[in-house]
Amino acid sequence: MFLKMLKGISRENIRKKLTFDFKNISFIGFDIWNLYELSWLNKEKIPQLALGILEIDAKSINLIESKSFKLYLHSLNNSIFFSKEDFKEKVKMDLKKIVQGRLVFNLFNLSHKKFNRIRTLTGINIDNEKINLFHDIKNVLTIDQNKEIVEESLCSNLLRSNCPKTKQPDWASVEISYKGFPINKKSLLIYLINFRDINKFHEDCVEKIFSDINHFCKPIKLSVYARYNRRGGIDINPWRSNCINFSPSHKRLVRQ
């Protein structure tokens, strides 16, 4: 009964809609889900609480539709499990059937340091770049080939897209780390702002940013990591990279 609530969405079908062929892009990545509303009953029917971190490999067959996941987790609130490990294994087993790929699922107590430390974005914040959305060219990422190759991180708190299921806004901060010719900061800010009119899943947005920068800017190395605001007790934080040593921070941002 519980498993029927979970809905998977084909990654391949989503990637077919990307502007550029994602199949020919070499990348690694995970979708990091922070779960703040996990609860079940022990054998004495006393409510138990935990925080969870779910990491789903970006090369899994399916991603999880977030609304169905919320309903699934809430449906377990009044179910009896003999231990925290039993609860963990039940959720993990059901999720693996849906995503059809590698995942990691762990539970933590409410005082764990992973959830109680706030971090800030690293890199150069581009949110105060002087732009004119009426006169500047939209949706075009540019680089300065006249300058030397750089290795830097750019970040923004202005990423906002819309859920394709509910049309509700999804707010996020994004870090873009790369090595290559300098990305024009104004063009990148305009590009990110234009996501306000786009209906895409969190994972889809990050893959579009990754593939578009890869196509237009042709960096030697590239990593894109978005931290989405919490909604319904869950925040989703996808990252994609062509660097085998990329290691994203698990610490939450102030809006999460």
Protein backbone atom coordinates (compact mmCIF):
# COMPACT_ATOMS: atom_id res chain seq x y z
CA MET A 1 0.00 0.00 0.00
CA PHE A 2 2.74 2.46 0.97
CA LEU A 3 4.83 1.71 -2.13
CA LYS A 4 1.91 2.62 -4.42
CA MET A 5 2.12 6.21 -3.17
CA LEU A 6 5.64 6.69 -4.54
CA LYS A 7 5.89 7.95 -8.10
CA GLY A 8 9.00 7.75 -10.23
CA ILE A 9 9.76 10.04 -13.17
CA SER A 10 11.97 8.87 -16.02
CA ARG A 11 15.22 10.81 -16.19
CA GLU A 12 15.58 9.90 -19.86
CA ASN A 13 12.24 11.47 -20.74
CA ILE A 14 13.20 14.68 -18.94
CA ARG A 15 16.63 14.83 -20.58
CA LYS A 16 15.09 14.49 -24.04
CA LYS A 17 13.62 17.96 -23.49
CA LEU A 18 16.99 19.58 -22.75
CA THR A 19 18.27 22.02 -25.36
CA PHE A 20 21.40 19.97 -25.90
CA ASP A 21 22.00 16.23 -25.96
CA PHE A 22 22.74 15.24 -22.36
CA LYS A 23 23.66 11.67 -23.34
CA ASN A 24 26.94 12.87 -24.85
CA ILE A 25 27.97 14.85 -21.76
CA SER A 26 30.23 13.05 -19.28
CA PHE A 27 29.12 13.79 -15.72
CA ILE A 28 28.67 12.46 -12.21
CA GLY A 29 26.15 13.66 -9.68
CA PHE A 30 23.65 12.97 -6.92
CA ASP A 31 20.37 14.42 -5.74
CA ILE A 32 20.66 15.12 -2.00
CA TRP A 33 17.34 15.11 -0.15
CA ASN A 34 17.24 16.39 3.43
CA LEU A 35 14.20 14.98 5.24
CA TYR A 36 12.99 16.89 8.31
CA GLU A 37 9.63 15.23 9.04
CA LEU A 38 10.38 11.53 9.59
CA SER A 39 8.26 9.79 12.20
CA TRP A 40 6.95 6.33 13.06
CA LEU A 41 5.72 4.38 16.09
CA ASN A 42 7.80 1.98 18.17
CA LYS A 43 6.37 -1.31 19.49
CA GLU A 44 4.82 0.58 22.43
CA LYS A 45 3.17 2.92 19.88
CA ILE A 46 5.26 5.87 21.05
CA PRO A 47 6.09 8.31 18.21
CA GLN A 48 9.73 8.30 17.13
CA LEU A 49 11.53 11.09 15.27
CA ALA A 50 14.57 11.29 13.02
CA LEU A 51 16.18 13.42 10.35
CA GLY A 52 17.20 11.80 7.10
CA ILE A 53 19.59 12.30 4.22
CA LEU A 54 18.81 10.54 0.96
CA GLU A 55 21.30 10.60 -1.91
CA ILE A 56 20.15 9.32 -5.31
CA ASP A 57 22.63 8.71 -8.10
CA ALA A 58 21.94 10.94 -11.11
CA LYS A 59 22.44 7.87 -13.31
CA SER A 60 19.49 6.04 -11.77
CA ILE A 61 16.60 5.26 -14.11
CA ASN A 62 14.07 7.43 -12.27
CA LEU A 63 13.95 10.40 -9.96
CA ILE A 64 11.25 10.63 -7.30
CA GLU A 65 8.27 12.95 -7.66
CA SER A 66 8.57 15.00 -4.46
CA LYS A 67 4.87 15.32 -3.63
CA SER A 68 4.43 11.55 -3.76
CA PHE A 69 7.47 11.14 -1.52
CA LYS A 70 6.01 13.53 1.07
CA LEU A 71 2.72 11.62 1.07
CA TYR A 72 4.59 8.33 1.36
CA LEU A 73 6.66 9.48 4.35
CA HIS A 74 3.63 10.92 6.13
CA SER A 75 1.74 7.66 5.59
CA LEU A 76 4.35 5.92 7.76
CA ASN A 77 3.71 8.18 10.77
CA ASN A 78 1.30 5.75 12.42
CA SER A 79 3.04 2.55 11.36
CA ILE A 80 4.81 0.38 13.94
CA PHE A 81 8.49 -0.47 13.49
CA PHE A 82 10.48 -2.40 16.06
CA SER A 83 13.60 -0.30 15.56
CA LYS A 84 14.99 2.72 13.74
CA GLU A 85 16.90 0.30 11.53
CA ASP A 86 13.65 -1.43 10.49
CA PHE A 87 12.16 1.92 9.49
CA LYS A 88 15.29 2.84 7.58
CA GLU A 89 15.38 -0.47 5.67
CA LYS A 90 11.67 -0.24 4.79
CA VAL A 91 12.08 3.23 3.27
CA LYS A 92 15.32 2.32 1.53
CA MET A 93 13.83 -0.84 0.00
CA ASP A 94 10.78 1.00 -1.33
CA LEU A 95 12.88 3.81 -2.77
CA LYS A 96 15.23 1.44 -4.58
CA LYS A 97 12.25 -0.16 -6.34
CA ILE A 98 11.24 3.25 -7.65
CA VAL A 99 14.55 4.88 -8.59
CA GLN A 100 16.13 1.70 -10.03
CA GLY A 101 19.64 2.80 -9.26
CA ARG A 102 22.18 3.50 -6.55
CA LEU A 103 21.10 5.40 -3.45
CA VAL A 104 22.25 6.04 0.10
CA PHE A 105 19.78 6.61 2.94
CA ASN A 106 20.78 7.43 6.51
CA LEU A 107 18.97 8.57 9.67
CA PHE A 108 20.26 11.05 12.25
CA ASN A 109 19.13 12.44 15.59
CA LEU A 110 17.86 16.00 15.81
CA SER A 111 21.08 17.38 17.27
CA HIS A 112 23.38 16.01 14.56
CA LYS A 113 25.92 18.52 13.26
CA LYS A 114 24.91 17.93 9.63
CA PHE A 115 21.65 19.75 10.34
CA ASN A 116 22.74 22.28 12.94
CA ARG A 117 25.43 24.17 11.10
CA ILE A 118 24.61 26.94 8.64
CA ARG A 119 26.98 27.64 5.77
CA THR A 120 27.18 30.36 3.14
CA LEU A 121 27.79 30.02 -0.55
CA THR A 122 31.40 30.00 -1.68
CA GLY A 123 32.72 32.01 -4.57
CA ILE A 124 31.85 35.34 -6.18
CA ASN A 125 28.23 36.39 -5.71
CA ILE A 126 26.87 37.80 -8.97
CA ASP A 127 23.50 39.03 -7.67
CA ASN A 128 24.54 42.71 -7.67
CA GLU A 129 25.74 42.79 -11.26
CA LYS A 130 24.26 45.78 -13.13
CA ILE A 131 21.92 44.34 -15.74
CA ASN A 132 19.02 45.57 -17.81
CA LEU A 133 16.51 42.85 -18.55
CA PHE A 134 14.84 45.02 -21.20
CA HIS A 135 17.94 45.73 -23.26
CA ASP A 136 20.41 42.94 -22.50
CA ILE A 137 20.26 39.76 -24.57
CA LYS A 138 18.43 37.02 -22.71
CA ASN A 139 19.19 33.30 -22.44
CA VAL A 140 22.67 33.63 -23.96
CA LEU A 141 25.72 32.71 -21.89
CA THR A 142 28.93 34.37 -23.00
CA ILE A 143 32.62 34.13 -22.17
CA ASP A 144 35.61 36.44 -22.61
CA GLN A 145 38.07 34.59 -24.81
CA ASN A 146 40.47 37.54 -24.72
CA LYS A 147 41.31 36.83 -21.10
CA GLU A 148 43.34 34.05 -19.53
CA ILE A 149 41.78 30.81 -18.35
CA VAL A 150 40.55 31.06 -14.77
CA GLU A 151 39.43 28.62 -12.09
CA GLU A 152 36.69 30.15 -9.97
CA SER A 153 33.28 29.73 -8.36
CA LEU A 154 30.28 31.96 -9.06
CA CYS A 155 27.14 31.92 -6.97
CA SER A 156 23.64 33.36 -6.84
CA ASN A 157 20.66 33.32 -4.49
CA LEU A 158 18.26 34.39 -7.24
CA LEU A 159 17.50 31.04 -8.84
CA ARG A 160 13.76 30.42 -8.88
CA SER A 161 11.84 27.93 -11.00
CA ASN A 162 8.34 26.47 -10.82
CA CYS A 163 7.20 22.95 -10.02
CA PRO A 164 5.77 21.37 -13.20
CA LYS A 165 3.19 19.48 -11.11
CA THR A 166 1.85 22.19 -8.76
CA LYS A 167 3.21 25.36 -10.47
CA GLN A 168 4.39 26.52 -7.03
CA PRO A 169 7.68 28.46 -6.94
CA ASP A 170 10.89 26.67 -6.00
CA TRP A 171 13.57 28.99 -4.59
CA ALA A 172 17.25 28.08 -4.60
CA SER A 173 20.84 29.20 -4.30
CA VAL A 174 23.35 27.88 -6.82
CA GLU A 175 27.13 27.48 -6.95
CA ILE A 176 28.88 27.16 -10.31
CA SER A 177 32.53 26.14 -10.15
CA TYR A 178 34.53 25.91 -13.35
CA LYS A 179 37.89 26.13 -15.09
CA GLY A 180 37.96 27.86 -18.45
CA PHE A 181 37.63 31.24 -20.10
CA PRO A 182 35.84 33.67 -17.75
CA ILE A 183 32.06 33.40 -17.84
CA ASN A 184 30.47 36.81 -18.29
CA LYS A 185 28.79 37.45 -14.95
CA LYS A 186 26.02 39.64 -16.35
CA SER A 187 25.04 37.04 -18.92
CA LEU A 188 25.03 34.32 -16.25
CA LEU A 189 22.80 36.38 -13.93
CA ILE A 190 20.33 37.11 -16.74
CA TYR A 191 20.35 33.43 -17.68
CA LEU A 192 19.55 32.34 -14.10
CA ILE A 193 16.83 34.96 -13.63
CA ASN A 194 15.02 33.60 -16.69
CA PHE A 195 14.34 30.36 -14.81
CA ARG A 196 11.51 32.27 -13.06
CA ASP A 197 9.33 31.52 -16.08
CA ILE A 198 10.34 27.85 -16.39
CA ASN A 199 8.42 24.83 -15.08
CA LYS A 200 11.03 22.20 -14.25
CA PHE A 201 11.95 19.79 -11.47
CA HIS A 202 14.94 20.71 -9.29
CA GLU A 203 17.08 18.00 -10.89
CA ASP A 204 16.05 19.12 -14.36
CA CYS A 205 17.02 22.74 -13.66
CA VAL A 206 20.52 21.77 -12.52
CA GLU A 207 21.04 19.55 -15.55
CA LYS A 208 19.88 22.34 -17.87
CA ILE A 209 22.30 24.80 -16.26
CA PHE A 210 25.09 22.23 -16.50
CA SER A 211 24.41 21.37 -20.16
CA ASP A 212 23.91 25.00 -21.25
CA ILE A 213 27.14 26.21 -19.63
CA ASN A 214 28.93 23.20 -21.06
CA HIS A 215 27.64 24.05 -24.55
CA PHE A 216 28.00 27.83 -24.62
CA CYS A 217 31.07 28.33 -22.43
CA LYS A 218 32.94 25.06 -23.04
CA PRO A 219 34.78 24.98 -19.70
CA ILE A 220 37.54 22.49 -19.06
CA LYS A 221 35.95 21.59 -15.70
CA LEU A 222 32.44 22.30 -14.47
CA SER A 223 30.35 21.65 -11.35
CA VAL A 224 26.83 22.94 -10.68
CA TYR A 225 25.30 22.58 -7.22
CA ALA A 226 21.87 23.97 -6.26
CA ARG A 227 20.48 24.16 -2.73
CA TYR A 228 16.69 24.47 -2.86
CA ASN A 229 14.61 25.91 -0.03
CA ARG A 230 12.68 23.51 2.14
CA ARG A 231 9.08 22.77 1.20
CA GLY A 232 6.81 20.23 2.91
CA GLY A 233 9.59 19.14 5.25
CA ILE A 234 12.03 18.36 2.41
CA ASP A 235 14.79 20.24 0.62
CA ILE A 236 16.36 18.87 -2.57
CA ASN A 237 19.94 19.67 -3.52
CA PRO A 238 21.09 18.29 -6.88
CA TRP A 239 24.65 18.53 -8.14
CA ARG A 240 26.28 17.61 -11.46
CA SER A 241 29.98 17.66 -12.24
CA ASN A 242 32.58 16.43 -14.70
CA CYS A 243 35.21 16.49 -11.93
CA ILE A 244 35.74 13.12 -10.25
CA ASN A 245 37.04 14.84 -7.09
CA PHE A 246 34.10 17.24 -6.65
CA SER A 247 32.81 17.05 -3.08
CA PRO A 248 29.71 19.15 -2.27
CA SER A 249 29.06 20.50 1.21
CA HIS A 250 26.13 18.91 3.05
CA LYS A 251 25.65 21.88 5.39
CA ARG A 252 22.38 23.72 4.88
CA LEU A 253 21.99 27.37 3.92
CA VAL A 254 20.16 29.93 6.03
CA ARG A 255 16.97 29.68 3.89
CA GLN A 256 16.83 25.94 4.33
